Amino acid sequence: MTAPPAGSVPEAQGLPDTPPSGLARWKLVGPGIVVAATGVGAGDLVATLVAGARFGYALLWAAVIGCIVKIALAEATGRYHLATGSTILEGWRSLGRWTSWYFGIYIILWGFVYGGTAMSATALPLSALFPGVLPFWAWGALSGLLGAAFVLLNRYAIFEAAMKLFIGIMFVVVVGLAILVVPDVGAAIGGLVPRLPDGSVIYTLGLIGGVGGTITLAAYGYWVNAKGWNSPAWMGMMRFDNRVAYIVTGIFVVAMLIVGAELLNAAQISLASGDRGLLDLEAVLAERFGPRVATIFLIGFVATTFSSILGVWQGVSLLFADFVRNLRGTHVAGDRSDLETSPAFRFYVLWLTIPPMVLLTLGQPFALIIAYGAFGAFFMPFLALTLVWLLNGRSVPREWRSGWLSNILLALASILFVVLCAHQIWSMI
């Protein structure tokens, strides 16, 4: 396996010759922010709120462990790209043709379901912010079209800047809410001690596995390369970027759990299932703190859902474009310079946008929510297990293979996601 050809990443113009150190590293942080912002969707916020509402601060430790698991998974993906000069799709293909069948069928079906879910989730706060201006389906379609246009017309550097803006809005709004509700610091510290209240096992597993964990974790290596990091020399920078991103995500998750514990737990307020639970929270905020705070929350809600649209439309389309290129077998290993301009990339962006609009007319039916949960459950076990396989194989130079800590975390992630997948299937039955 060879390193990417020189000049394969146009966005790398202006990149320093050697990775920076010290405070200079902060200027290059970006791909991790993108993958974290994409992975935290409205459903994750509801799950965290519900955990806080039902169990107070008791599951705070699970949120922290969840961020550690995501750091390990994203680091593993980025390490594979940098250490081998190959992409994760090339790695999967080296494991056998079954991976192509699995991933190819999965990404087509998942894209259709996720497209409708993501556009529907963005339509919810927009409809609440501008009641009566457009019908629900029109807000969803508009958000999808805007996301598609932005991704197709801009390269990675502009995309990263937009994602940083959205996660900044999300962070300020959610952390601001956590401060506003006046957290119980003593109880929060006590929540860092692992314990399982009655009936909390599945909530705990979901909290560990859900927040910031989606198919876009597999896109992290592509965003790392798009940044211009394409050799083992950038390994330290990649790891720093990844840790910063998920520490920010950890603060974000803890803040949401605080809001659930302080605002909903004490008052015994329950939320609606799915993304609509955030509209229930908006009503609670309006009653408790006034319409201005509720409006600010809805803006944060929009930033959360639309950043997921942008991240998936860009990142998963890169995965699909690389999948098609590997299927044809005509590319140079490690060369990903033309992925964003390929017909396959454009096709998948439109696949995420146009066909799922049919689902918007149904107003996010229960069947759509179930289907999305089922499809989502099947990818993370695949990612975790194949990363264990690849990063202990001969294709990875010995010095960059997984050590004991990485292997333990990836093995725990594999077990966790297999259990969550089995639970999802069982709940459907």
Protein backbone atom coordinates (compact mmCIF):
# COMPACT_ATOMS: atom_id res chain seq x y z
CA MET A 1 0.00 0.00 0.00
CA THR A 2 1.37 3.36 -0.99
CA ALA A 3 1.03 6.87 0.29
CA PRO A 4 -1.33 9.23 -1.52
CA PRO A 5 0.14 10.87 -4.59
CA ALA A 6 1.57 14.31 -4.11
CA GLY A 7 -0.92 17.02 -4.74
CA SER A 8 -3.88 14.69 -4.21
CA VAL A 9 -5.40 17.03 -1.63
CA PRO A 10 -5.97 20.52 -3.06
CA GLU A 11 -7.19 21.84 0.29
CA ALA A 12 -3.70 21.30 1.71
CA GLN A 13 -2.40 24.55 0.22
CA GLY A 14 -0.85 26.62 2.96
CA LEU A 15 -0.29 23.58 5.20
CA PRO A 16 2.99 23.71 7.15
CA ASP A 17 5.78 21.41 5.92
CA THR A 18 5.87 19.64 9.29
CA PRO A 19 3.08 19.11 11.81
CA PRO A 20 2.95 21.96 14.34
CA SER A 21 3.38 21.52 18.07
CA GLY A 22 2.18 23.30 21.18
CA LEU A 23 -0.44 26.01 20.79
CA ALA A 24 0.04 26.09 17.01
CA ARG A 25 -1.85 22.79 16.77
CA TRP A 26 -5.10 24.50 17.74
CA LYS A 27 -5.17 26.36 14.42
CA LEU A 28 -5.42 23.09 12.50
CA VAL A 29 -8.12 21.40 14.57
CA GLY A 30 -11.04 20.62 12.28
CA PRO A 31 -11.80 17.10 10.98
CA GLY A 32 -12.62 15.87 14.48
CA ILE A 33 -15.03 18.77 14.98
CA VAL A 34 -16.69 17.83 11.69
CA VAL A 35 -17.19 14.16 12.59
CA ALA A 36 -18.38 14.98 16.12
CA ALA A 37 -20.83 17.65 14.94
CA THR A 38 -22.21 15.28 12.31
CA GLY A 39 -22.64 12.43 14.76
CA VAL A 40 -24.59 14.41 17.37
CA GLY A 41 -28.13 14.60 16.03
CA ALA A 42 -31.50 15.45 17.47
CA GLY A 43 -32.13 11.83 18.42
CA ASP A 44 -28.93 11.80 20.49
CA LEU A 45 -30.02 14.95 22.30
CA VAL A 46 -33.37 13.40 23.13
CA ALA A 47 -31.71 10.19 24.36
CA THR A 48 -29.43 12.20 26.66
CA LEU A 49 -32.30 14.35 27.90
CA VAL A 50 -34.42 11.26 28.63
CA ALA A 51 -31.51 9.69 30.54
CA GLY A 52 -31.21 12.84 32.66
CA ALA A 53 -34.98 13.10 33.11
CA ARG A 54 -35.37 9.47 34.27
CA PHE A 55 -32.20 8.90 36.26
CA GLY A 56 -30.90 12.36 37.13
CA TYR A 57 -27.10 12.44 37.20
CA ALA A 58 -26.74 8.69 37.79
CA LEU A 59 -25.65 7.94 34.19
CA LEU A 60 -23.19 10.79 33.79
CA TRP A 61 -20.33 8.30 33.88
CA ALA A 62 -21.80 6.51 30.86
CA ALA A 63 -21.70 9.72 28.81
CA VAL A 64 -18.01 10.10 29.63
CA ILE A 65 -17.24 6.49 28.68
CA GLY A 66 -19.20 6.98 25.46
CA CYS A 67 -16.89 9.81 24.44
CA ILE A 68 -13.83 7.65 25.19
CA VAL A 69 -15.26 4.90 22.97
CA LYS A 70 -15.80 7.38 20.11
CA ILE A 71 -12.26 8.75 20.52
CA ALA A 72 -10.95 5.19 20.11
CA LEU A 73 -13.09 4.47 17.03
CA ALA A 74 -12.33 7.75 15.24
CA GLU A 75 -8.62 7.48 16.11
CA ALA A 76 -8.54 3.97 14.70
CA THR A 77 -10.13 5.12 11.44
CA GLY A 78 -7.77 8.07 11.07
CA ARG A 79 -4.76 5.91 12.01
CA TYR A 80 -5.58 3.40 9.29
CA HIS A 81 -5.66 6.13 6.64
CA LEU A 82 -2.40 7.74 7.79
CA ALA A 83 -0.45 4.56 8.51
CA THR A 84 -1.27 2.69 5.30
CA GLY A 85 -1.91 5.45 2.77
CA SER A 86 -5.12 3.57 1.93
CA THR A 87 -8.74 4.36 2.66
CA ILE A 88 -11.03 2.42 4.95
CA LEU A 89 -12.96 1.21 1.86
CA GLU A 90 -9.74 -0.22 0.44
CA GLY A 91 -9.13 -1.87 3.79
CA TRP A 92 -12.58 -3.43 3.87
CA ARG A 93 -12.17 -4.70 0.33
CA SER A 94 -8.93 -6.43 1.37
CA LEU A 95 -10.96 -8.48 3.87
CA GLY A 96 -13.02 -10.09 1.12
CA ARG A 97 -15.82 -9.35 -1.31
CA TRP A 98 -18.44 -9.88 1.42
CA THR A 99 -17.58 -6.44 2.83
CA SER A 100 -18.46 -4.82 -0.50
CA TRP A 101 -21.81 -6.59 -0.60
CA TYR A 102 -22.52 -5.69 3.01
CA PHE A 103 -21.51 -2.05 2.70
CA GLY A 104 -23.00 -1.51 -0.76
CA ILE A 105 -26.47 -2.78 0.16
CA TYR A 106 -26.33 -1.05 3.53
CA ILE A 107 -25.33 2.41 2.26
CA ILE A 108 -28.07 2.49 -0.38
CA LEU A 109 -30.86 1.45 2.00
CA TRP A 110 -29.54 3.54 4.90
CA GLY A 111 -29.17 6.64 2.72
CA PHE A 112 -32.82 6.57 1.67
CA VAL A 113 -34.08 6.19 5.23
CA TYR A 114 -31.61 8.65 6.76
CA GLY A 115 -32.32 11.29 4.13
CA GLY A 116 -35.98 11.40 5.14
CA THR A 117 -35.15 11.28 8.84
CA ALA A 118 -32.58 14.08 8.69
CA MET A 119 -34.74 16.42 6.62
CA SER A 120 -37.71 15.71 8.86
CA ALA A 121 -35.64 16.46 11.97
CA THR A 122 -34.56 19.83 10.56
CA ALA A 123 -38.11 20.68 9.55
CA LEU A 124 -39.29 20.36 13.17
CA PRO A 125 -37.49 23.42 14.65
CA LEU A 126 -37.90 25.44 11.45
CA SER A 127 -41.67 24.88 11.57
CA ALA A 128 -41.67 25.96 15.21
CA LEU A 129 -39.54 29.06 14.53
CA PHE A 130 -41.64 30.15 11.54
CA PRO A 131 -45.16 28.78 12.13
CA GLY A 132 -47.45 28.89 9.14
CA VAL A 133 -44.81 30.11 6.68
CA LEU A 134 -44.31 26.76 4.95
CA PRO A 135 -45.81 23.29 5.41
CA PHE A 136 -43.71 20.75 7.30
CA TRP A 137 -42.68 18.80 4.20
CA ALA A 138 -41.52 21.98 2.46
CA TRP A 139 -39.19 22.90 5.34
CA GLY A 140 -37.70 19.41 5.17
CA ALA A 141 -37.27 19.50 1.40
CA LEU A 142 -35.73 22.98 1.56
CA SER A 143 -33.20 21.92 4.20
CA GLY A 144 -32.18 18.91 2.11
CA LEU A 145 -31.81 20.96 -1.07
CA LEU A 146 -29.78 23.65 0.70
CA GLY A 147 -27.51 21.00 2.19
CA ALA A 148 -27.04 19.33 -1.20
CA ALA A 149 -26.29 22.63 -2.94
CA PHE A 150 -23.76 23.62 -0.29
CA VAL A 151 -21.93 20.27 -0.45
CA LEU A 152 -21.87 20.15 -4.25
CA LEU A 153 -20.68 23.75 -4.66
CA ASN A 154 -18.00 23.84 -1.95
CA ARG A 155 -14.87 21.87 -1.21
CA TYR A 156 -13.69 20.66 2.18
CA ALA A 157 -12.20 23.90 3.58
CA ILE A 158 -15.49 25.83 3.31
CA PHE A 159 -17.44 22.81 4.53
CA GLU A 160 -15.23 22.55 7.64
CA ALA A 161 -15.66 26.26 8.40
CA ALA A 162 -19.45 25.90 8.23
CA MET A 163 -19.41 22.87 10.51
CA LYS A 164 -17.30 24.73 13.06
CA LEU A 165 -19.86 27.55 13.04
CA PHE A 166 -22.74 25.14 13.65
CA ILE A 167 -21.03 23.25 16.46
CA GLY A 168 -20.14 26.62 18.00
CA ILE A 169 -23.83 27.57 18.03
CA MET A 170 -24.80 24.15 19.42
CA PHE A 171 -22.16 24.36 22.12
CA VAL A 172 -23.02 27.88 23.29
CA VAL A 173 -26.77 27.17 23.37
CA VAL A 174 -26.61 23.84 25.19
CA VAL A 175 -23.90 24.80 27.69
CA GLY A 176 -25.74 28.08 28.25
CA LEU A 177 -28.91 26.13 29.08
CA ALA A 178 -26.99 23.91 31.50
CA ILE A 179 -25.72 26.98 33.33
CA LEU A 180 -29.18 28.57 33.26
CA VAL A 181 -30.83 25.64 35.03
CA VAL A 182 -28.20 25.83 37.83
CA PRO A 183 -26.66 22.33 38.01
CA ASP A 184 -26.19 20.47 41.26
CA VAL A 185 -22.39 20.18 41.18
CA GLY A 186 -22.25 17.66 44.02
CA ALA A 187 -24.75 15.35 42.36
CA ALA A 188 -22.94 15.72 39.03
CA ILE A 189 -19.63 14.68 40.58
CA GLY A 190 -21.40 11.73 42.22
CA GLY A 191 -22.73 10.76 38.78
CA LEU A 192 -19.18 10.01 37.65
CA VAL A 193 -19.20 6.93 39.88
CA PRO A 194 -20.47 3.99 37.78
CA ARG A 195 -23.80 2.57 38.93
CA LEU A 196 -26.91 1.18 37.28
CA PRO A 197 -30.29 2.30 38.65
CA ASP A 198 -33.19 -0.11 38.13
CA GLY A 199 -34.30 -0.21 34.52
CA SER A 200 -31.30 1.75 33.24
CA VAL A 201 -29.24 -0.92 31.43
CA ILE A 202 -30.43 -0.20 27.89
CA TYR A 203 -30.38 3.57 28.49
CA THR A 204 -26.80 3.21 29.70
CA LEU A 205 -25.70 1.21 26.68
CA GLY A 206 -27.49 3.63 24.37
CA LEU A 207 -25.83 6.61 26.05
CA ILE A 208 -22.39 5.01 25.66
CA GLY A 209 -22.94 3.94 22.07
CA GLY A 210 -25.25 6.56 20.65
CA VAL A 211 -23.99 10.10 21.04
CA GLY A 212 -21.61 11.06 18.27
CA GLY A 213 -21.49 7.56 16.85
CA THR A 214 -22.76 7.03 13.31
CA ILE A 215 -21.59 5.86 9.90
CA THR A 216 -19.77 9.20 9.62
CA LEU A 217 -17.11 7.90 12.03
CA ALA A 218 -15.87 5.96 8.99
CA ALA A 219 -15.60 9.26 7.09
CA TYR A 220 -13.11 10.69 9.58
CA GLY A 221 -10.11 9.34 7.67
CA TYR A 222 -11.31 11.03 4.47
CA TRP A 223 -11.72 14.36 6.26
CA VAL A 224 -8.25 13.93 7.78
CA ASN A 225 -6.83 13.46 4.27
CA ALA A 226 -8.86 16.37 2.91
CA LYS A 227 -7.20 18.53 5.55
CA GLY A 228 -3.85 17.59 4.01
CA TRP A 229 -2.79 15.07 6.64
CA ASN A 230 -1.74 12.08 4.57
CA SER A 231 1.27 10.41 6.20
CA PRO A 232 2.24 8.97 9.61
CA ALA A 233 4.00 12.27 10.37
CA TRP A 234 0.52 13.71 11.05
CA MET A 235 -0.47 10.99 13.49
CA GLY A 236 0.05 13.18 16.56
CA MET A 237 -1.94 16.03 15.05
CA MET A 238 -4.78 13.68 14.12
CA ARG A 239 -4.94 12.30 17.64
CA PHE A 240 -4.93 15.79 19.15
CA ASP A 241 -7.70 16.88 16.76
CA ASN A 242 -9.78 13.82 17.61
CA ARG A 243 -9.43 14.24 21.37
CA VAL A 244 -10.29 17.93 21.29
CA ALA A 245 -13.42 17.20 19.26
CA TYR A 246 -14.74 14.52 21.57
CA ILE A 247 -13.88 16.44 24.72
CA VAL A 248 -16.07 19.22 23.30
CA THR A 249 -18.71 16.59 22.54
CA GLY A 250 -18.39 15.25 26.08
CA ILE A 251 -19.04 18.70 27.54
CA PHE A 252 -21.99 19.02 25.17
CA VAL A 253 -23.46 15.66 26.26
CA VAL A 254 -22.93 16.39 29.95
CA ALA A 255 -24.69 19.74 29.48
CA MET A 256 -27.71 18.04 27.90
CA LEU A 257 -27.86 15.50 30.71
CA ILE A 258 -27.76 18.37 33.23
CA VAL A 259 -30.69 20.02 31.46
CA GLY A 260 -32.63 16.76 31.62
CA ALA A 261 -31.77 16.17 35.26
CA GLU A 262 -32.50 19.69 36.51
CA LEU A 263 -35.35 20.74 34.24
CA LEU A 264 -37.23 17.49 33.64
CA ASN A 265 -36.31 15.04 36.41
CA ALA A 266 -37.40 17.22 39.33
CA ALA A 267 -40.69 18.12 37.65
CA GLN A 268 -41.27 14.53 36.39
CA ILE A 269 -41.77 15.79 32.84
CA SER A 270 -41.56 13.19 30.08
CA LEU A 271 -40.66 13.88 26.45
CA ALA A 272 -42.26 12.62 23.27
CA SER A 273 -40.38 9.86 21.45
CA GLY A 274 -37.99 10.70 18.64
CA ASP A 275 -36.88 14.15 17.59
CA ARG A 276 -40.23 15.67 18.60
CA GLY A 277 -39.11 15.40 22.20
CA LEU A 278 -37.03 18.53 21.62
CA LEU A 279 -40.20 20.47 20.86
CA ASP A 280 -41.50 19.39 24.26
CA LEU A 281 -38.33 20.80 25.79
CA GLU A 282 -38.87 24.05 23.89
CA ALA A 283 -42.31 24.35 25.49
CA VAL A 284 -40.85 23.70 28.95
CA LEU A 285 -38.16 26.34 28.39
CA ALA A 286 -40.74 28.87 27.21
CA GLU A 287 -42.82 28.33 30.33
CA ARG A 288 -39.86 28.42 32.72
CA PHE A 289 -37.58 31.06 31.18
CA GLY A 290 -39.69 32.88 28.60
CA PRO A 291 -40.04 32.83 24.80
CA ARG A 292 -36.61 34.36 24.12
CA VAL A 293 -34.76 31.41 25.69
CA ALA A 294 -37.07 29.00 23.87
CA THR A 295 -36.28 30.70 20.55
CA ILE A 296 -32.53 30.52 21.20
CA PHE A 297 -32.92 26.82 21.94
CA LEU A 298 -34.73 26.29 18.62
CA ILE A 299 -31.84 28.00 16.83
CA GLY A 300 -29.48 25.55 18.51
CA PHE A 301 -31.85 22.75 17.47
CA VAL A 302 -31.59 23.88 13.83
CA ALA A 303 -27.78 24.05 14.07
CA THR A 304 -27.72 20.49 15.43
CA THR A 305 -29.93 18.97 12.76
CA PHE A 306 -28.61 20.93 9.78
CA SER A 307 -24.98 20.18 10.69
CA SER A 308 -25.92 16.50 10.55
CA ILE A 309 -27.35 17.02 7.07
CA LEU A 310 -24.18 18.73 5.86
CA GLY A 311 -21.90 16.17 7.49
CA VAL A 312 -23.74 13.13 6.15
CA TRP A 313 -24.34 14.61 2.70
CA GLN A 314 -20.57 15.26 2.43
CA GLY A 315 -18.97 12.44 4.43
CA VAL A 316 -21.14 9.47 3.49
CA SER A 317 -21.09 10.59 -0.15
CA LEU A 318 -17.28 10.36 0.03
CA LEU A 319 -17.64 6.81 1.34
CA PHE A 320 -20.02 5.92 -1.48
CA ALA A 321 -17.76 7.50 -4.12
CA ASP A 322 -14.80 5.50 -2.82
CA PHE A 323 -16.95 2.36 -2.71
CA VAL A 324 -17.83 2.78 -6.41
CA ARG A 325 -14.21 3.49 -7.31
CA ASN A 326 -13.03 0.37 -5.48
CA LEU A 327 -15.76 -1.68 -7.11
CA ARG A 328 -14.49 -0.67 -10.54
CA GLY A 329 -10.89 -1.32 -9.53
CA THR A 330 -9.50 1.42 -11.78
CA HIS A 331 -8.05 3.83 -9.19
CA VAL A 332 -4.59 4.26 -7.69
CA ALA A 333 -4.46 3.03 -4.09
CA GLY A 334 -4.71 5.92 -1.65
CA ASP A 335 -5.52 8.53 -4.31
CA ARG A 336 -8.71 10.30 -3.28
CA SER A 337 -8.19 13.58 -5.12
CA ASP A 338 -11.26 13.24 -7.34
CA LEU A 339 -13.81 11.84 -4.91
CA GLU A 340 -15.69 15.12 -4.34
CA THR A 341 -16.00 15.75 -8.08
CA SER A 342 -16.88 12.21 -9.13
CA PRO A 343 -20.29 11.29 -10.58
CA ALA A 344 -20.75 8.76 -7.74
CA PHE A 345 -20.32 11.51 -5.13
CA ARG A 346 -22.91 13.72 -6.85
CA PHE A 347 -25.28 10.78 -7.29
CA TYR A 348 -25.23 9.93 -3.60
CA VAL A 349 -25.74 13.54 -2.50
CA LEU A 350 -28.87 13.58 -4.67
CA TRP A 351 -29.85 10.08 -3.46
CA LEU A 352 -29.87 11.42 0.10
CA THR A 353 -31.95 14.41 -0.99
CA ILE A 354 -34.50 13.69 -3.72
CA PRO A 355 -36.01 10.17 -3.25
CA PRO A 356 -36.44 10.54 0.56
CA MET A 357 -38.66 13.59 0.02
CA VAL A 358 -41.47 11.10 -0.47
CA LEU A 359 -41.11 10.23 3.21
CA LEU A 360 -41.57 13.86 4.25
CA THR A 361 -45.19 13.83 3.14
CA LEU A 362 -45.80 11.20 5.81
CA GLY A 363 -44.69 13.58 8.59
CA GLN A 364 -41.99 11.30 10.04
CA PRO A 365 -44.13 8.20 10.58
CA PHE A 366 -43.40 5.69 13.30
CA ALA A 367 -42.26 3.15 10.71
CA LEU A 368 -39.58 5.58 9.48
CA ILE A 369 -38.18 6.02 12.99
CA ILE A 370 -38.07 2.24 13.48
CA ALA A 371 -36.42 1.68 10.10
CA TYR A 372 -33.74 4.29 10.77
CA GLY A 373 -32.96 2.78 14.16
CA ALA A 374 -32.67 -0.68 12.64
CA PHE A 375 -30.38 0.37 9.80
CA GLY A 376 -28.23 2.47 12.12
CA ALA A 377 -27.73 -0.46 14.47
CA PHE A 378 -26.14 -2.62 11.78
CA PHE A 379 -23.22 -0.39 10.85
CA MET A 380 -21.38 0.30 14.10
CA PRO A 381 -20.69 -3.41 14.89
CA PHE A 382 -19.33 -3.76 11.33
CA LEU A 383 -17.05 -0.72 11.77
CA ALA A 384 -15.73 -1.72 15.21
CA LEU A 385 -15.08 -5.37 14.33
CA THR A 386 -13.38 -4.64 11.00
CA LEU A 387 -11.16 -1.99 12.63
CA VAL A 388 -9.94 -4.62 15.11
CA TRP A 389 -9.22 -6.93 12.18
CA LEU A 390 -7.48 -4.34 9.99
CA LEU A 391 -5.39 -2.62 12.65
CA ASN A 392 -3.87 -5.88 13.82
CA GLY A 393 -3.09 -7.08 10.29
CA ARG A 394 0.05 -7.05 8.18
CA SER A 395 -1.18 -4.21 5.97
CA VAL A 396 -0.52 -1.81 8.86
CA PRO A 397 3.15 -1.14 9.74
CA ARG A 398 4.00 -2.73 13.07
CA GLU A 399 4.56 0.57 14.87
CA TRP A 400 1.03 1.74 14.00
CA ARG A 401 -0.87 -1.44 14.80
CA SER A 402 -3.26 -1.32 17.72
CA GLY A 403 -1.69 -1.64 21.15
CA TRP A 404 -3.34 -3.22 24.15
CA LEU A 405 -5.37 -0.12 25.08
CA SER A 406 -6.68 0.43 21.57
CA ASN A 407 -7.54 -3.25 21.22
CA ILE A 408 -9.38 -3.28 24.55
CA LEU A 409 -11.41 -0.19 23.63
CA LEU A 410 -12.19 -1.46 20.12
CA ALA A 411 -13.17 -4.88 21.53
CA LEU A 412 -15.45 -3.24 24.11
CA ALA A 413 -16.95 -1.08 21.36
CA SER A 414 -17.56 -4.18 19.25
CA ILE A 415 -19.35 -5.97 22.09
CA LEU A 416 -21.34 -2.84 22.94
CA PHE A 417 -22.58 -2.30 19.40
CA VAL A 418 -23.39 -5.97 18.86
CA VAL A 419 -25.54 -5.89 22.03
CA LEU A 420 -27.24 -2.66 20.93
CA CYS A 421 -27.87 -4.11 17.47
CA ALA A 422 -29.40 -7.26 18.98
CA HIS A 423 -31.58 -5.17 21.29
CA GLN A 424 -32.77 -3.05 18.35
CA ILE A 425 -33.75 -6.14 16.39
CA TRP A 426 -35.46 -7.68 19.43
CA SER A 427 -37.45 -4.51 20.10
CA MET A 428 -38.71 -4.57 16.50
CA ILE A 429 -39.84 -8.18 16.87
